Every structure is written in C-alpha cells, then in structure tokens.
Amino acid sequence: MDHIDQAAVLSLKEVMEDDFPLLMTTFLQDAEKRLILLNQLIGSDDADAIRRAAHSFKGSCGNVGAQILASYCAHLEHKAANQDVGNIQEDVDRIREEFNLVKKIIVAL
C-alpha cells in the first residue's frame, strides 16, 4: 500500500482546484498539532482523550488519502477504546514516523 493514495489525491485536486495547496498545507499544520496532542497524552490514563485524538487524526488522514497513517491512528483509537493506554509511546512514534513520510510526499506535490 502506498503512503498516499494517488487516486484520492487526484480526486482532491480536481475537486479543490486552486484551493488544493491550501488544503494540503492545512492538513500538515493540523497533523502537527494532533501529533503534539498525542505526545502530550503519552503516559496519560485518559483513554477517552487518546481515543478522540486518534479518531480525529484518522479522519483527516483518510480525507487526504494517507491510508497507512489512518490505519495506525485507527489502531491507537481501538487500543484506547479498550482502555489499553499503558504504553502508547510505540504507537505514537509509529504515527509520527509515517506522518513524516506522508509529509515529504505532500510537500513534493
């Protein structure tokens, strides 16, 4: 699976036209904020806050075709929904690593 679904990107370009670069910039800025929040939640017992943060990040990733990143967020969301938040550092690290790959691809668009 590609880090970015090219068909989704092409569709977004067609729909958004001149606003496509703004959409991608907004996604990247928003994703950075979401990663900061997830980092702040590491070690937290607030499973619901972790679940909500992962859920909303998953949605925005899916909207821009970042399917692997969305799946990593879904995994964290599922763990948090099951109150399994004792060790999410690895999950957040994996999300950040994938985001960095996605960011390079988006910047190159």
Protein backbone atom coordinates (compact mmCIF):
# COMPACT_ATOMS: atom_id res chain seq x y z
CA MET A 1 0.00 0.00 0.00
CA ASP A 2 1.29 3.45 -0.88
CA HIS A 3 1.77 6.06 1.81
CA ILE A 4 -0.60 8.32 -0.16
CA ASP A 5 -3.44 7.05 -2.34
CA GLN A 6 -2.71 8.75 -5.66
CA ALA A 7 -6.29 8.34 -6.88
CA ALA A 8 -7.55 10.16 -3.78
CA VAL A 9 -5.04 12.96 -4.34
CA LEU A 10 -6.06 13.33 -7.99
CA SER A 11 -9.71 13.44 -6.98
CA LEU A 12 -8.97 16.10 -4.36
CA LYS A 13 -7.03 18.14 -6.93
CA GLU A 14 -9.98 18.03 -9.30
CA VAL A 15 -12.49 19.00 -6.64
CA MET A 16 -10.40 21.60 -4.83
CA GLU A 17 -8.73 23.10 -7.92
CA ASP A 18 -6.76 26.20 -6.84
CA ASP A 19 -7.51 25.50 -3.17
CA PHE A 20 -5.71 22.13 -3.25
CA PRO A 21 -2.37 23.52 -1.97
CA LEU A 22 -4.20 25.26 0.89
CA LEU A 23 -5.95 22.00 1.78
CA MET A 24 -2.63 20.15 1.94
CA THR A 25 -0.97 22.92 3.95
CA THR A 26 -3.88 22.93 6.37
CA PHE A 27 -3.69 19.15 6.72
CA LEU A 28 0.04 19.29 7.51
CA GLN A 29 -0.39 22.07 10.07
CA ASP A 30 -3.35 20.32 11.68
CA ALA A 31 -1.49 17.00 11.76
CA GLU A 32 1.43 18.60 13.59
CA LYS A 33 -1.00 19.86 16.25
CA ARG A 34 -2.58 16.43 16.53
CA LEU A 35 0.85 14.83 16.98
CA ILE A 36 1.68 17.31 19.72
CA LEU A 37 -1.56 16.38 21.48
CA LEU A 38 -0.86 12.66 21.15
CA ASN A 39 2.64 13.20 22.56
CA GLN A 40 1.14 15.09 25.49
CA LEU A 41 -1.22 12.18 26.14
CA ILE A 42 1.59 9.62 26.41
CA GLY A 43 1.53 8.26 29.94
CA SER A 44 -1.98 9.59 30.48
CA ASP A 45 -4.75 7.41 31.85
CA ASP A 46 -7.30 9.41 29.86
CA ALA A 47 -8.22 6.70 27.38
CA ASP A 48 -11.14 8.71 26.05
CA ALA A 49 -8.94 11.72 25.20
CA ILE A 50 -6.49 9.41 23.44
CA ARG A 51 -9.31 7.72 21.57
CA ARG A 52 -10.79 11.05 20.46
CA ALA A 53 -7.41 12.40 19.36
CA ALA A 54 -6.60 9.26 17.38
CA HIS A 55 -10.10 9.19 15.87
CA SER A 56 -10.00 12.76 14.59
CA PHE A 57 -6.46 12.34 13.26
CA LYS A 58 -7.58 9.14 11.50
CA GLY A 59 -10.38 11.04 9.77
CA SER A 60 -8.19 13.82 8.45
CA CYS A 61 -5.61 11.29 7.22
CA GLY A 62 -8.30 9.39 5.37
CA ASN A 63 -9.53 12.60 3.76
CA VAL A 64 -6.16 13.22 2.08
CA GLY A 65 -5.53 9.59 1.13
CA ALA A 66 -2.94 8.79 3.82
CA GLN A 67 -4.31 5.30 4.36
CA ILE A 68 -1.38 3.75 6.25
CA LEU A 69 -1.31 6.72 8.61
CA ALA A 70 -5.06 6.44 9.05
CA SER A 71 -4.71 2.73 9.87
CA TYR A 72 -2.07 3.47 12.54
CA CYS A 73 -4.40 6.05 14.07
CA ALA A 74 -7.26 3.52 13.93
CA HIS A 75 -5.09 1.01 15.78
CA LEU A 76 -4.40 3.52 18.55
CA GLU A 77 -8.06 4.51 18.65
CA HIS A 78 -9.03 0.84 19.08
CA LYS A 79 -6.48 0.35 21.87
CA ALA A 80 -7.77 3.42 23.70
CA ALA A 81 -11.38 2.31 23.26
CA ASN A 82 -10.34 -0.90 25.04
CA GLN A 83 -8.62 1.08 27.82
CA ASP A 84 -5.23 -0.21 26.65
CA VAL A 85 -3.27 3.03 27.08
CA GLY A 86 -0.47 1.99 29.42
CA ASN A 87 2.15 2.03 26.68
CA ILE A 88 1.22 4.12 23.66
CA GLN A 89 4.69 5.56 23.07
CA GLU A 90 5.40 3.00 20.35
CA ASP A 91 2.07 3.74 18.64
CA VAL A 92 2.67 7.49 18.68
CA ASP A 93 6.23 7.02 17.41
CA ARG A 94 4.94 4.87 14.53
CA ILE A 95 2.30 7.50 13.71
CA ARG A 96 4.94 10.27 13.71
CA GLU A 97 7.28 8.21 11.52
CA GLU A 98 4.54 7.56 8.97
CA PHE A 99 3.44 11.19 9.09
CA ASN A 100 6.99 12.28 8.27
CA LEU A 101 6.90 10.08 5.14
CA VAL A 102 3.47 11.42 4.18
CA LYS A 103 4.64 14.99 4.74
CA LYS A 104 7.57 14.54 2.34
CA ILE A 105 5.22 13.22 -0.32
CA ILE A 106 2.71 16.05 0.17
CA VAL A 107 5.41 18.72 0.09
CA ALA A 108 6.65 17.25 -3.19
CA LEU A 109 3.18 17.50 -4.77
